[in-house]
Amino acid sequence: MSTDRPHSGKTGWLFRLRHFLFIFVYLWLLLSVYTLHNALVLSDWSLLTHLGAVTLKALVFAKFVLIGEHLKLGSRAEHLPLIWPILIKSALFSVVLVGFNLAEEAILHWLSPRQAAGTDTMDISSPPAILSLTAMIFIALIPFFGIRELGRIIGEDGMFDLFFRKRLRGANTSGTGKN
């Protein structure tokens, strides 16, 4: 989904809503699978409780991604070969999301130290845990920004056609002359 659309009137509002929902759904799926994994590995059967928190966290993270896009994080690399803006944006946004996650946990710990100690959140004093979380988010954001950057280049309509319209068998769409 390209962000190069008009931002006024009804079409601008609908575009921004779709853009936000795309980010939210991707982050919600990512965090839900991670929560499901933790619930199975840790034999924690209060999964529905955790999914509510995941939904709220995905909404907040989606807003932070929109703020990062508005601040044009990683846009300096958009003239480079496609792999570079994907990797650079994945790295920058993983640091942003982990930073906000750590800030959230620090605030929760500050507001209610006893209650925060009983939660299943990451130990914010553990550099290996922080590095591991950053690496997982970085890897998870690569397909997200891969799709986003490809959409920026070929346009929203081109992405829709590529993913949801039937292509002719044997048709060469790569432009390389090979089938």
Protein backbone atom coordinates (compact mmCIF):
# COMPACT_ATOMS: atom_id res chain seq x y z
CA MET A 1 0.00 0.00 0.00
CA SER A 2 1.56 3.20 -1.11
CA THR A 3 1.33 6.28 1.06
CA ASP A 4 1.45 8.60 -1.96
CA ARG A 5 -2.29 9.33 -2.07
CA PRO A 6 -4.35 12.45 -1.53
CA HIS A 7 -4.91 13.09 2.15
CA SER A 8 -7.98 15.27 1.95
CA GLY A 9 -11.67 14.63 1.67
CA LYS A 10 -13.46 11.32 1.87
CA THR A 11 -11.02 9.39 -0.36
CA GLY A 12 -8.05 10.56 1.72
CA TRP A 13 -9.76 9.47 4.93
CA LEU A 14 -10.67 6.06 3.50
CA PHE A 15 -7.14 5.58 2.18
CA ARG A 16 -5.62 6.39 5.58
CA LEU A 17 -8.06 4.01 7.28
CA ARG A 18 -7.16 1.16 4.88
CA HIS A 19 -3.49 1.95 5.34
CA PHE A 20 -3.83 1.80 9.14
CA LEU A 21 -5.88 -1.41 8.98
CA PHE A 22 -3.26 -3.09 6.77
CA ILE A 23 -0.54 -2.28 9.32
CA PHE A 24 -2.76 -3.28 12.26
CA VAL A 25 -3.76 -6.64 10.77
CA TYR A 26 -0.16 -7.55 9.97
CA LEU A 27 1.04 -6.62 13.46
CA TRP A 28 -1.95 -8.31 15.11
CA LEU A 29 -1.27 -11.55 13.24
CA LEU A 30 2.41 -11.37 14.13
CA LEU A 31 1.77 -10.71 17.83
CA SER A 32 -1.05 -13.27 18.01
CA VAL A 33 1.13 -16.04 16.62
CA TYR A 34 3.88 -15.07 19.06
CA THR A 35 1.34 -15.11 21.93
CA LEU A 36 -0.03 -18.48 20.81
CA HIS A 37 3.52 -19.85 20.72
CA ASN A 38 4.19 -18.58 24.25
CA ALA A 39 0.89 -19.98 25.51
CA LEU A 40 1.71 -23.43 24.12
CA VAL A 41 5.34 -23.48 25.22
CA LEU A 42 4.65 -22.06 28.69
CA SER A 43 1.39 -24.04 29.13
CA ASP A 44 -0.42 -20.78 29.82
CA TRP A 45 -4.06 -21.39 28.99
CA SER A 46 -5.31 -17.84 29.48
CA LEU A 47 -4.84 -17.19 25.78
CA LEU A 48 -8.00 -15.10 25.34
CA THR A 49 -6.82 -12.68 28.01
CA HIS A 50 -3.50 -12.30 26.23
CA LEU A 51 -5.18 -11.82 22.82
CA GLY A 52 -7.01 -8.78 24.18
CA ALA A 53 -3.70 -7.25 25.20
CA VAL A 54 -2.23 -8.23 21.81
CA THR A 55 -5.04 -6.40 20.01
CA LEU A 56 -4.40 -3.25 22.03
CA LYS A 57 -0.64 -3.53 21.50
CA ALA A 58 -1.11 -4.04 17.73
CA LEU A 59 -3.27 -0.89 17.58
CA VAL A 60 -0.62 1.12 19.43
CA PHE A 61 2.23 -0.32 17.36
CA ALA A 62 0.34 0.41 14.14
CA LYS A 63 0.03 4.02 15.25
CA PHE A 64 3.78 4.14 15.95
CA VAL A 65 4.47 2.74 12.47
CA LEU A 66 2.28 5.49 10.99
CA ILE A 67 4.17 8.10 13.01
CA GLY A 68 7.47 6.64 11.77
CA GLU A 69 6.22 6.78 8.19
CA HIS A 70 5.10 10.37 8.69
CA LEU A 71 8.60 11.17 9.95
CA LYS A 72 9.89 9.41 6.80
CA LEU A 73 12.06 6.87 8.64
CA GLY A 74 14.23 5.10 6.09
CA SER A 75 13.08 7.20 3.15
CA ARG A 76 16.65 8.22 2.33
CA ALA A 77 17.26 4.66 1.09
CA GLU A 78 14.35 4.60 -1.37
CA HIS A 79 16.61 5.36 -4.36
CA LEU A 80 18.78 2.30 -3.64
CA PRO A 81 18.09 -1.24 -4.93
CA LEU A 82 14.89 -2.60 -3.38
CA ILE A 83 16.59 -4.84 -0.81
CA TRP A 84 18.18 -1.85 0.97
CA PRO A 85 15.06 0.17 1.81
CA ILE A 86 13.40 -3.07 2.94
CA LEU A 87 16.25 -3.99 5.30
CA ILE A 88 16.84 -0.43 6.50
CA LYS A 89 13.16 0.21 7.25
CA SER A 90 12.85 -3.20 8.94
CA ALA A 91 15.83 -2.37 11.15
CA LEU A 92 14.69 1.16 11.99
CA PHE A 93 11.11 0.17 12.74
CA SER A 94 12.17 -2.85 14.80
CA VAL A 95 14.22 -0.53 17.01
CA VAL A 96 11.26 1.87 17.25
CA LEU A 97 8.80 -0.89 18.18
CA VAL A 98 11.14 -2.50 20.72
CA GLY A 99 11.88 0.93 22.19
CA PHE A 100 8.20 1.68 22.64
CA ASN A 101 7.64 -1.83 24.05
CA LEU A 102 10.40 -1.24 26.61
CA ALA A 103 8.95 2.19 27.46
CA GLU A 104 5.52 0.60 27.96
CA GLU A 105 6.96 -2.05 30.28
CA ALA A 106 8.95 0.54 32.24
CA ILE A 107 5.81 2.66 32.70
CA LEU A 108 3.81 -0.41 33.82
CA HIS A 109 6.56 -1.33 36.27
CA TRP A 110 6.70 2.23 37.58
CA LEU A 111 2.91 2.47 37.99
CA SER A 112 2.49 -0.94 39.63
CA PRO A 113 5.73 -2.76 40.47
CA ARG A 114 4.01 -5.73 42.14
CA GLN A 115 1.52 -6.28 39.34
CA ALA A 116 4.15 -5.82 36.62
CA ALA A 117 6.41 -8.38 38.33
CA GLY A 118 3.68 -11.01 37.98
CA THR A 119 3.12 -10.51 34.27
CA ASP A 120 4.69 -12.52 31.47
CA THR A 121 6.48 -9.53 29.97
CA MET A 122 10.13 -9.46 29.00
CA ASP A 123 12.72 -8.60 31.63
CA ILE A 124 13.68 -5.06 30.60
CA SER A 125 17.04 -5.39 32.33
CA SER A 126 18.16 -8.29 30.12
CA PRO A 127 20.19 -7.17 27.06
CA PRO A 128 20.07 -10.68 25.47
CA ALA A 129 16.27 -10.69 25.70
CA ILE A 130 16.08 -7.20 24.19
CA LEU A 131 18.47 -8.18 21.38
CA SER A 132 16.51 -11.38 20.72
CA LEU A 133 13.20 -9.49 20.56
CA THR A 134 14.73 -6.89 18.23
CA ALA A 135 16.05 -9.62 15.92
CA MET A 136 12.65 -11.39 15.84
CA ILE A 137 10.82 -8.17 15.02
CA PHE A 138 13.42 -7.25 12.38
CA ILE A 139 12.96 -10.61 10.61
CA ALA A 140 9.16 -10.36 10.90
CA LEU A 141 9.12 -6.87 9.39
CA ILE A 142 11.10 -7.85 6.27
CA PRO A 143 8.07 -9.32 4.41
CA PHE A 144 5.93 -6.41 5.61
CA PHE A 145 8.29 -3.79 4.20
CA GLY A 146 8.98 -5.96 1.14
CA ILE A 147 5.32 -5.78 0.21
CA ARG A 148 5.13 -2.09 1.14
CA GLU A 149 8.18 -1.13 -0.94
CA LEU A 150 7.02 -3.17 -3.91
CA GLY A 151 3.64 -1.43 -3.64
CA ARG A 152 5.38 1.94 -3.54
CA ILE A 153 7.15 1.11 -6.80
CA ILE A 154 4.39 -0.56 -8.82
CA GLY A 155 1.44 1.22 -7.19
CA GLU A 156 -1.55 0.03 -5.21
CA ASP A 157 -3.46 -1.07 -8.32
CA GLY A 158 -0.46 -3.03 -9.57
CA MET A 159 -0.15 -4.79 -6.22
CA PHE A 160 -3.85 -5.65 -6.22
CA ASP A 161 -3.57 -7.06 -9.74
CA LEU A 162 -0.45 -9.01 -8.85
CA PHE A 163 -1.97 -10.62 -5.76
CA PHE A 164 -5.68 -10.95 -6.55
CA ARG A 165 -6.25 -11.08 -10.30
CA LYS A 166 -5.89 -14.25 -12.30
CA ARG A 167 -2.80 -14.31 -14.51
CA LEU A 168 -2.58 -16.17 -17.77
CA ARG A 169 -0.63 -19.39 -17.59
CA GLY A 170 2.73 -19.06 -19.31
CA ALA A 171 2.40 -15.29 -19.53
CA ASN A 172 5.67 -13.47 -19.00
CA THR A 173 5.15 -10.71 -16.45
CA SER A 174 8.74 -10.34 -15.32
CA GLY A 175 9.95 -8.41 -18.34
CA THR A 176 13.05 -10.60 -18.64
CA GLY A 177 11.98 -12.46 -21.77
CA LYS A 178 12.12 -15.80 -19.87
CA ASN A 179 9.09 -17.95 -19.09
